[in-house]
Each structure stands twice: as structure tokens, then as C-alpha cells.
C-alpha atoms as a PDB file:
ATOM      1  CA  MET A   1       6.082   0.850 -24.917  1.00  0.00           C
ATOM      2  CA  GLU A   2       6.349  -1.825 -21.912  1.00  0.00           C
ATOM      3  CA  ASP A   3       8.110  -4.244 -24.287  1.00  0.00           C
ATOM      4  CA  ASN A   4      10.944  -1.815 -24.634  1.00  0.00           C
ATOM      5  CA  ILE A   5      11.519  -1.592 -20.744  1.00  0.00           C
ATOM      6  CA  ASN A   6      14.553  -3.203 -19.482  1.00  0.00           C
ATOM      7  CA  LYS A   7      13.078  -6.222 -17.329  1.00  0.00           C
ATOM      8  CA  HIS A   8      14.432  -7.011 -13.768  1.00  0.00           C
ATOM      9  CA  THR A   9      15.657 -10.491 -12.805  1.00  0.00           C
ATOM     10  CA  LEU A  10      13.432 -12.372 -10.686  1.00  0.00           C
ATOM     11  CA  LEU A  11      15.681 -12.053  -7.623  1.00  0.00           C
ATOM     12  CA  LYS A  12      15.927  -8.301  -8.155  1.00  0.00           C
ATOM     13  CA  SER A  13      12.201  -7.878  -8.456  1.00  0.00           C
ATOM     14  CA  ILE A  14      11.625  -9.944  -5.275  1.00  0.00           C
ATOM     15  CA  ILE A  15      14.163  -7.792  -3.381  1.00  0.00           C
ATOM     16  CA  LEU A  16      12.778  -4.426  -4.602  1.00  0.00           C
ATOM     17  CA  HIS A  17       9.228  -5.544  -3.675  1.00  0.00           C
ATOM     18  CA  LEU A  18      10.109  -6.923  -0.319  1.00  0.00           C
ATOM     19  CA  LEU A  19      13.024  -4.832   1.035  1.00  0.00           C
ATOM     20  CA  PRO A  20      10.893  -1.594   1.718  1.00  0.00           C
ATOM     21  CA  GLY A  21       8.261  -3.536   3.631  1.00  0.00           C
ATOM     22  CA  LEU A  22      10.857  -5.328   5.857  1.00  0.00           C
ATOM     23  CA  VAL A  23      12.423  -1.816   6.775  1.00  0.00           C
ATOM     24  CA  VAL A  24       9.099  -0.185   7.193  1.00  0.00           C
ATOM     25  CA  GLY A  25       7.824  -3.229   9.303  1.00  0.00           C
ATOM     26  CA  GLY A  26      11.142  -3.219  11.414  1.00  0.00           C
ATOM     27  CA  PHE A  27      10.580   0.453  12.257  1.00  0.00           C
ATOM     28  CA  TYR A  28       6.889  -0.155  13.065  1.00  0.00           C
ATOM     29  CA  PHE A  29       7.642  -2.923  15.498  1.00  0.00           C
ATOM     30  CA  ALA A  30      10.474  -1.081  16.990  1.00  0.00           C
ATOM     31  CA  ILE A  31       8.591   2.075  17.874  1.00  0.00           C
ATOM     32  CA  THR A  32       5.093   0.621  18.618  1.00  0.00           C
ATOM     33  CA  PRO A  33       5.690   0.177  22.339  1.00  0.00           C
ATOM     34  CA  PHE A  34       7.000   3.730  22.533  1.00  0.00           C
ATOM     35  CA  ILE A  35       4.104   5.085  20.694  1.00  0.00           C
ATOM     36  CA  GLN A  36       1.714   3.105  23.037  1.00  0.00           C
ATOM     37  CA  GLU A  37       3.545   4.423  26.150  1.00  0.00           C
ATOM     38  CA  HIS A  38       2.480   7.932  25.082  1.00  0.00           C
ATOM     39  CA  GLY A  39      -1.177   7.005  24.688  1.00  0.00           C
ATOM     40  CA  TYR A  40      -1.468   6.477  20.997  1.00  0.00           C
ATOM     41  CA  PRO A  41      -2.636   3.372  19.040  1.00  0.00           C
ATOM     42  CA  SER A  42      -0.180   1.416  17.014  1.00  0.00           C
ATOM     43  CA  VAL A  43      -1.530   2.848  13.689  1.00  0.00           C
ATOM     44  CA  MET A  44       0.424   6.029  14.638  1.00  0.00           C
ATOM     45  CA  ALA A  45       3.613   4.117  14.546  1.00  0.00           C
ATOM     46  CA  LEU A  46       2.795   2.801  11.018  1.00  0.00           C
ATOM     47  CA  ILE A  47       2.208   6.446  10.110  1.00  0.00           C
ATOM     48  CA  LEU A  48       5.625   7.367  11.493  1.00  0.00           C
ATOM     49  CA  ALA A  49       7.092   4.394   9.702  1.00  0.00           C
ATOM     50  CA  GLY A  50       5.520   5.713   6.468  1.00  0.00           C
ATOM     51  CA  ILE A  51       6.952   9.215   7.085  1.00  0.00           C
ATOM     52  CA  PHE A  52      10.499   8.340   8.018  1.00  0.00           C
ATOM     53  CA  VAL A  53      11.061   5.039   6.136  1.00  0.00           C
ATOM     54  CA  LEU A  54       8.617   4.404   3.230  1.00  0.00           C
ATOM     55  CA  ILE A  55       8.850   7.964   1.791  1.00  0.00           C
ATOM     56  CA  PRO A  56      12.692   8.230   1.759  1.00  0.00           C
ATOM     57  CA  PHE A  57      13.005   4.582   0.503  1.00  0.00           C
ATOM     58  CA  GLU A  58      10.466   4.410  -2.225  1.00  0.00           C
ATOM     59  CA  LEU A  59      10.340   8.072  -3.466  1.00  0.00           C
ATOM     60  CA  GLY A  60      14.180   8.327  -2.853  1.00  0.00           C
ATOM     61  CA  PHE A  61      14.671   5.232  -5.042  1.00  0.00           C
ATOM     62  CA  LEU A  62      12.496   6.620  -7.711  1.00  0.00           C
ATOM     63  CA  LEU A  63      14.393   9.973  -7.761  1.00  0.00           C
ATOM     64  CA  TYR A  64      17.674   8.026  -7.668  1.00  0.00           C
ATOM     65  CA  GLN A  65      16.631   6.117 -10.798  1.00  0.00           C
ATOM     66  CA  LYS A  66      15.796   9.277 -12.565  1.00  0.00           C
ATOM     67  CA  GLN A  67      19.110  10.757 -11.864  1.00  0.00           C
ATOM     68  CA  LEU A  68      21.018   7.527 -12.699  1.00  0.00           C
ATOM     69  CA  LYS A  69      19.284   6.938 -15.939  1.00  0.00           C
ATOM     70  CA  ARG A  70      18.939  10.726 -16.934  1.00  0.00           C
ATOM     71  CA  VAL A  71      15.358  10.287 -17.751  1.00  0.00           C
ATOM     72  CA  LYS A  72      12.106  11.884 -16.984  1.00  0.00           C
ATOM     73  CA  LEU A  73      10.371  10.733 -13.741  1.00  0.00           C
ATOM     74  CA  PHE A  74       7.028  10.244 -15.435  1.00  0.00           C
ATOM     75  CA  ASN A  75       7.030   8.319 -18.725  1.00  0.00           C
ATOM     76  CA  GLY A  76      10.703   7.558 -17.947  1.00  0.00           C
ATOM     77  CA  VAL A  77      11.342   5.945 -14.552  1.00  0.00           C
ATOM     78  CA  ILE A  78       7.501   5.684 -13.874  1.00  0.00           C
ATOM     79  CA  LYS A  79       5.472   4.025 -16.626  1.00  0.00           C
ATOM     80  CA  TYR A  80       1.694   3.762 -17.552  1.00  0.00           C
ATOM     81  CA  CYS A  81       1.406   7.537 -17.565  1.00  0.00           C
ATOM     82  CA  GLN A  82      -0.775   7.969 -20.666  1.00  0.00           C
ATOM     83  CA  ARG A  83      -3.783  10.239 -20.660  1.00  0.00           C
ATOM     84  CA  ILE A  84      -7.127   8.977 -20.781  1.00  0.00           C
ATOM     85  CA  PRO A  85     -10.557  10.718 -21.113  1.00  0.00           C
ATOM     86  CA  VAL A  86     -11.803  12.237 -17.806  1.00  0.00           C
ATOM     87  CA  TRP A  87     -15.033  10.280 -18.340  1.00  0.00           C
ATOM     88  CA  GLN A  88     -13.242   6.949 -17.868  1.00  0.00           C
ATOM     89  CA  TYR A  89     -12.150   7.870 -14.472  1.00  0.00           C
ATOM     90  CA  PHE A  90     -15.825   8.049 -13.459  1.00  0.00           C
ATOM     91  CA  ILE A  91     -16.293   4.449 -14.964  1.00  0.00           C
ATOM     92  CA  TRP A  92     -13.148   2.685 -13.727  1.00  0.00           C
ATOM     93  CA  VAL A  93     -12.813   4.106 -10.336  1.00  0.00           C
ATOM     94  CA  PRO A  94     -16.175   2.889  -9.138  1.00  0.00           C
ATOM     95  CA  ILE A  95     -15.983  -0.397 -10.787  1.00  0.00           C
ATOM     96  CA  VAL A  96     -12.459  -1.276  -9.642  1.00  0.00           C
ATOM     97  CA  SER A  97     -13.121   0.121  -6.008  1.00  0.00           C
ATOM     98  CA  ALA A  98     -16.327  -1.999  -5.881  1.00  0.00           C
ATOM     99  CA  LEU A  99     -14.560  -5.119  -7.163  1.00  0.00           C
ATOM    100  CA  ILE A 100     -11.686  -4.708  -4.576  1.00  0.00           C
ATOM    101  CA  GLY A 101     -14.138  -4.057  -1.776  1.00  0.00           C
ATOM    102  CA  LEU A 102     -16.118  -7.182  -2.796  1.00  0.00           C
ATOM    103  CA  ILE A 103     -13.003  -9.386  -2.868  1.00  0.00           C
ATOM    104  CA  PHE A 104     -11.791  -8.023   0.570  1.00  0.00           C
ATOM    105  CA  THR A 105     -15.170  -8.757   1.919  1.00  0.00           C
ATOM    106  CA  VAL A 106     -15.664 -12.287   0.636  1.00  0.00           C
ATOM    107  CA  LEU A 107     -12.035 -13.220   1.616  1.00  0.00           C
ATOM    108  CA  ASN A 108     -12.084 -11.677   4.930  1.00  0.00           C
ATOM    109  CA  PHE A 109     -12.473 -15.003   6.623  1.00  0.00           C
ATOM    110  CA  THR A 110      -8.921 -15.943   5.404  1.00  0.00           C
ATOM    111  CA  SER A 111      -7.477 -13.145   7.429  1.00  0.00           C
ATOM    112  CA  ASP A 112      -9.022 -14.603  10.627  1.00  0.00           C
ATOM    113  CA  PHE A 113      -7.981 -17.973   9.798  1.00  0.00           C
ATOM    114  CA  PHE A 114      -4.171 -17.155   9.058  1.00  0.00           C
ATOM    115  CA  LEU A 115      -4.008 -14.926  12.224  1.00  0.00           C
ATOM    116  CA  THR A 116      -3.927 -18.109  14.285  1.00  0.00           C
ATOM    117  CA  PHE A 117      -0.552 -18.895  12.542  1.00  0.00           C
ATOM    118  CA  PHE A 118       0.856 -15.634  13.805  1.00  0.00           C
ATOM    119  CA  ASP A 119      -0.193 -15.770  17.516  1.00  0.00           C
ATOM    120  CA  TRP A 120       3.575 -15.648  18.288  1.00  0.00           C
ATOM    121  CA  ILE A 121       3.559 -11.909  17.455  1.00  0.00           C
ATOM    122  CA  PRO A 122       2.698 -10.053  20.664  1.00  0.00           C
ATOM    123  CA  GLN A 123      -0.871  -8.768  20.767  1.00  0.00           C
ATOM    124  CA  ASN A 124       0.290  -5.230  21.444  1.00  0.00           C
ATOM    125  CA  MET A 125       2.025  -5.476  18.156  1.00  0.00           C
ATOM    126  CA  HIS A 126      -0.876  -6.050  16.013  1.00  0.00           C
ATOM    127  CA  LEU A 127      -1.963  -3.055  14.151  1.00  0.00           C
ATOM    128  CA  ASP A 128      -4.578  -1.199  16.350  1.00  0.00           C
ATOM    129  CA  MET A 129      -6.870   1.485  14.779  1.00  0.00           C
ATOM    130  CA  GLY A 130      -7.451   3.037  18.119  1.00  0.00           C
ATOM    131  CA  LEU A 131     -11.112   2.995  17.988  1.00  0.00           C
ATOM    132  CA  SER A 132     -11.806   2.563  21.649  1.00  0.00           C
ATOM    133  CA  GLN A 133     -12.300   4.595  24.834  1.00  0.00           C
ATOM    134  CA  LYS A 134      -8.684   3.714  26.087  1.00  0.00           C
ATOM    135  CA  PHE A 135      -7.359   6.499  23.869  1.00  0.00           C
ATOM    136  CA  SER A 136      -8.006  10.128  24.473  1.00  0.00           C
ATOM    137  CA  LYS A 137     -10.035  12.020  21.943  1.00  0.00           C
ATOM    138  CA  HIS A 138      -7.235  14.468  21.576  1.00  0.00           C
ATOM    139  CA  ASN A 139      -4.819  11.649  20.616  1.00  0.00           C
ATOM    140  CA  LEU A 140      -7.245  10.050  18.153  1.00  0.00           C
ATOM    141  CA  ILE A 141      -7.710  13.576  16.436  1.00  0.00           C
ATOM    142  CA  ILE A 142      -3.970  13.932  16.101  1.00  0.00           C
ATOM    143  CA  THR A 143      -3.769  10.367  14.896  1.00  0.00           C
ATOM    144  CA  TYR A 144      -6.464  10.546  12.281  1.00  0.00           C
ATOM    145  CA  ALA A 145      -5.278  13.971  11.141  1.00  0.00           C
ATOM    146  CA  SER A 146      -1.857  12.268  10.348  1.00  0.00           C
ATOM    147  CA  PHE A 147      -3.808   9.360   9.137  1.00  0.00           C
ATOM    148  CA  PHE A 148      -5.572  11.477   6.420  1.00  0.00           C
ATOM    149  CA  ILE A 149      -2.602  13.248   5.168  1.00  0.00           C
ATOM    150  CA  PHE A 150      -0.282  10.296   4.924  1.00  0.00           C
ATOM    151  CA  ILE A 151      -2.150   6.896   4.989  1.00  0.00           C
ATOM    152  CA  VAL A 152      -5.048   8.184   2.752  1.00  0.00           C
ATOM    153  CA  LEU A 153      -3.102  10.638   0.471  1.00  0.00           C
ATOM    154  CA  VAL A 154       0.679  10.598   0.422  1.00  0.00           C
ATOM    155  CA  LEU A 155       1.740   7.032   1.140  1.00  0.00           C
ATOM    156  CA  PRO A 156      -0.574   5.328  -1.435  1.00  0.00           C
ATOM    157  CA  THR A 157       0.405   7.634  -4.031  1.00  0.00           C
ATOM    158  CA  ILE A 158       4.031   6.962  -3.516  1.00  0.00           C
ATOM    159  CA  GLU A 159       3.313   3.184  -3.177  1.00  0.00           C
ATOM    160  CA  GLU A 160       1.467   3.284  -6.667  1.00  0.00           C
ATOM    161  CA  LEU A 161       4.311   5.081  -8.237  1.00  0.00           C
ATOM    162  CA  TYR A 162       6.836   2.770  -6.915  1.00  0.00           C
ATOM    163  CA  PHE A 163       5.018  -0.613  -7.254  1.00  0.00           C
ATOM    164  CA  ARG A 164       2.598  -0.180 -10.136  1.00  0.00           C
ATOM    165  CA  GLY A 165       4.531   2.559 -11.845  1.00  0.00           C
ATOM    166  CA  TYR A 166       8.075   1.300 -11.544  1.00  0.00           C
ATOM    167  CA  LEU A 167       8.266  -2.374 -10.466  1.00  0.00           C
ATOM    168  CA  LEU A 168       5.158  -3.702 -12.391  1.00  0.00           C
ATOM    169  CA  PRO A 169       6.289  -2.880 -15.783  1.00  0.00           C
ATOM    170  CA  ARG A 170       9.822  -4.278 -15.077  1.00  0.00           C
ATOM    171  CA  MET A 171       8.620  -7.715 -13.820  1.00  0.00           C
ATOM    172  CA  PRO A 172      10.603 -10.561 -15.350  1.00  0.00           C
ATOM    173  CA  ALA A 173       9.325 -11.243 -18.998  1.00  0.00           C
ATOM    174  CA  LYS A 174       9.505 -15.055 -18.265  1.00  0.00           C
ATOM    175  CA  LEU A 175       6.635 -14.778 -15.801  1.00  0.00           C
ATOM    176  CA  LYS A 176       4.456 -14.045 -18.810  1.00  0.00           C
ATOM    177  CA  GLY A 177       0.842 -14.629 -17.787  1.00  0.00           C
ATOM    178  CA  TRP A 178       1.721 -14.990 -14.123  1.00  0.00           C
ATOM    179  CA  THR A 179       3.048 -11.413 -13.869  1.00  0.00           C
ATOM    180  CA  ALA A 180      -0.059  -9.925 -12.162  1.00  0.00           C
ATOM    181  CA  ILE A 181      -0.459 -12.556  -9.586  1.00  0.00           C
ATOM    182  CA  VAL A 182       3.210 -12.648  -8.721  1.00  0.00           C
ATOM    183  CA  HIS A 183       3.438  -8.941  -8.505  1.00  0.00           C
ATOM    184  CA  SER A 184       0.203  -8.910  -6.262  1.00  0.00           C
ATOM    185  CA  SER A 185       1.549 -11.686  -4.074  1.00  0.00           C
ATOM    186  CA  LEU A 186       4.849  -9.718  -3.475  1.00  0.00           C
ATOM    187  CA  PHE A 187       2.870  -6.558  -2.729  1.00  0.00           C
ATOM    188  CA  ALA A 188       0.831  -8.456  -0.162  1.00  0.00           C
ATOM    189  CA  LEU A 189       4.098  -9.916   1.439  1.00  0.00           C
ATOM    190  CA  TYR A 190       5.495  -6.514   1.621  1.00  0.00           C
ATOM    191  CA  HIS A 191       2.982  -5.604   4.346  1.00  0.00           C
ATOM    192  CA  VAL A 192       4.987  -7.416   6.912  1.00  0.00           C
ATOM    193  CA  TRP A 193       2.997  -5.687   9.861  1.00  0.00           C
ATOM    194  CA  THR A 194      -0.141  -7.567   8.770  1.00  0.00           C
ATOM    195  CA  PRO A 195       0.956 -10.989   7.362  1.00  0.00           C
ATOM    196  CA  TRP A 196      -2.263 -12.729   7.991  1.00  0.00           C
ATOM    197  CA  MET A 197      -3.797 -10.504   5.313  1.00  0.00           C
ATOM    198  CA  PHE A 198      -1.710 -12.066   2.591  1.00  0.00           C
ATOM    199  CA  VAL A 199      -4.456 -13.840   0.702  1.00  0.00           C
ATOM    200  CA  VAL A 200      -6.970 -11.262   0.800  1.00  0.00           C
ATOM    201  CA  ARG A 201      -4.398  -8.664  -0.426  1.00  0.00           C
ATOM    202  CA  ALA A 202      -2.877 -10.753  -3.066  1.00  0.00           C
ATOM    203  CA  LEU A 203      -6.218 -11.365  -4.739  1.00  0.00           C
ATOM    204  CA  GLY A 204      -8.015  -8.191  -3.669  1.00  0.00           C
ATOM    205  CA  MET A 205      -5.386  -6.042  -5.572  1.00  0.00           C
ATOM    206  CA  LEU A 206      -5.659  -8.025  -9.044  1.00  0.00           C
ATOM    207  CA  PRO A 207      -8.364  -5.590 -10.348  1.00  0.00           C
ATOM    208  CA  LEU A 208      -6.263  -2.559  -9.578  1.00  0.00           C
ATOM    209  CA  ILE A 209      -3.207  -4.056 -11.154  1.00  0.00           C
ATOM    210  CA  TYR A 210      -5.304  -4.880 -14.364  1.00  0.00           C
ATOM    211  CA  VAL A 211      -6.703  -1.415 -14.726  1.00  0.00           C
ATOM    212  CA  VAL A 212      -3.259   0.167 -14.324  1.00  0.00           C
ATOM    213  CA  ARG A 213      -1.670  -2.093 -17.027  1.00  0.00           C
ATOM    214  CA  ARG A 214      -4.454  -1.360 -19.368  1.00  0.00           C
ATOM    215  CA  LYS A 215      -5.185   2.290 -18.583  1.00  0.00           C
ATOM    216  CA  ASN A 216      -2.807   4.389 -16.286  1.00  0.00           C
ATOM    217  CA  ILE A 217      -1.150   4.888 -13.083  1.00  0.00           C
ATOM    218  CA  TYR A 218      -3.304   7.793 -11.910  1.00  0.00           C
ATOM    219  CA  LEU A 219      -6.393   5.409 -11.815  1.00  0.00           C
ATOM    220  CA  GLY A 220      -4.284   3.194  -9.519  1.00  0.00           C
ATOM    221  CA  ILE A 221      -3.534   6.150  -7.192  1.00  0.00           C
ATOM    222  CA  ILE A 222      -7.106   7.387  -6.974  1.00  0.00           C
ATOM    223  CA  ILE A 223      -8.412   3.832  -6.228  1.00  0.00           C
ATOM    224  CA  HIS A 224      -5.627   3.080  -3.586  1.00  0.00           C
ATOM    225  CA  CYS A 225      -6.363   6.434  -1.885  1.00  0.00           C
ATOM    226  CA  LEU A 226     -10.178   5.751  -1.775  1.00  0.00           C
ATOM    227  CA  MET A 227      -9.644   2.193  -0.457  1.00  0.00           C
ATOM    228  CA  ASN A 228      -7.415   3.619   2.381  1.00  0.00           C
ATOM    229  CA  SER A 229     -10.006   6.381   3.123  1.00  0.00           C
ATOM    230  CA  ILE A 230     -12.441   3.807   4.462  1.00  0.00           C
ATOM    231  CA  ASP A 231     -10.679   3.441   7.763  1.00  0.00           C
ATOM    232  CA  PHE A 232     -10.446   7.072   7.999  1.00  0.00           C
ATOM    233  CA  ILE A 233     -14.216   7.501   7.518  1.00  0.00           C
ATOM    234  CA  ILE A 234     -15.044   4.855  10.150  1.00  0.00           C
ATOM    235  CA  ALA A 235     -12.579   6.632  12.557  1.00  0.00           C
ATOM    236  CA  PHE A 236     -13.959   9.984  11.743  1.00  0.00           C
ATOM    237  CA  VAL A 237     -17.442   8.838  12.622  1.00  0.00           C
ATOM    238  CA  PHE A 238     -16.180   7.340  15.785  1.00  0.00           C
ATOM    239  CA  ILE A 239     -14.415  10.499  16.898  1.00  0.00           C
ATOM    240  CA  LEU A 240     -17.459  12.558  16.209  1.00  0.00           C
ATOM    241  CA  ASN A 241     -19.397  10.321  18.683  1.00  0.00           C
ATOM    242  CA  TYR A 242     -16.643   9.884  21.256  1.00  0.00           C
END
């Protein structure tokens, strides 16, 4: 039961939420000029940051906790692993995905508004999905083949295991009813490469957090992967018509 889990202090929780984002973001900003010089959009830098930083950090941390505590990875380090009937996936996944999509759409204007506060970030460092004629079709195919493997499948799975499976159930008990919004806000701040999306991410992820806490981590993984697949589908259509 969640009540039997050793809770983190607020400071520890903040550090474990934000530290991987700071490292991933630092790697992204450092290699973006190099990636662009070789004819790739900056999203490729984010993919490489995921491969070389996010996976070792977040998955490595979970495996370290498994070894340190001498417990199972699932239903040990990672919580919310109870089984649910298959039919519930066909109910919860579309409902929660639609809710997240609706929130992101309605609150998209906040990203445009807060972007003005980050005009000190060089334009070439902004996340560029590469959907323009300035990138070769060959490079876009490589970029989005990698995008599908990592951004759509691997990285959101690891993020869900780390954030919703490990950190969420260990949020400080004193937060009480504020647990979901604090966790969601910290997850939004973790994305340091797109800080102007803080509001839309913080509020947009609340339905996912709710369903994971009430149901299981696998719902979160499926929904997160589906949400990330939207950019892939848009890029796939663009490349087909290049």
C-alpha cells in the first residue's frame, strides 16, 4: 500500500524531480549547435540527450534503488503495478488522452505568452521539430526514425517509471491534497528545454497523474507514448509529402 512507502522530504523530492531535467537540458543546449551544423534539427539533440543522459540517469537510478533496497523493481521500487481488466485500458486511455489533448489545446496560448519572458534564449536553441525545407529528407528520416524509437516509445516509458512509478508515491505526506499539482508542476519544470510550456504541462498532466494513482503505471505509459506520437505522426505526413 502507498501508505507504507517511505516518503521523501520536500527537498529530496524537488531534487529528484529537477536534477535529471537540468542534466538533460544542459546536454541538449551544449550539443544543439553541433547537431545543427550537421544539418539536423535541434530535436535530434533532444533525442541524443535522452539516449546519453535521461536513460542512464533515470533508469540507472531505479536499478540502483533495486540493488540498494534489495527489492523487486516492479511492486518494489516502482509502485502502482496492480493489474486491471483489459477492457479498462480501452476506457481510460481514450478518455485521459482526450482530456490531456483538450487541456493542451485550450491552454496553448499560455506558452505563447510565457515565451516572451524567455527571449534571452537564442532562437537557434529553441526546440525545432525540423518540419521545413531547410533540412534534407534524408536527415529528417533519420531524425524521425530515432524520434519514434526513443521519444515515442523508450523515453516516455522510462519517465513514467521514474516520475509516476517511483517519485509520485513517495511525495511528502505533508502535501496531502496538493500532491498531484506539486508533482505535476515539478514535472513541468523538469522540461528546462521548453520552460515556456510550464503552465500547459503542469495542468495538462493532471488527468494522467490521477489515473495512474487510481489505476496503474501501465496506463500512464500508454497515454504518455500516445501523446508523444502526435508530433511523430505530423512529421511522418510532412516527410511523405516532402
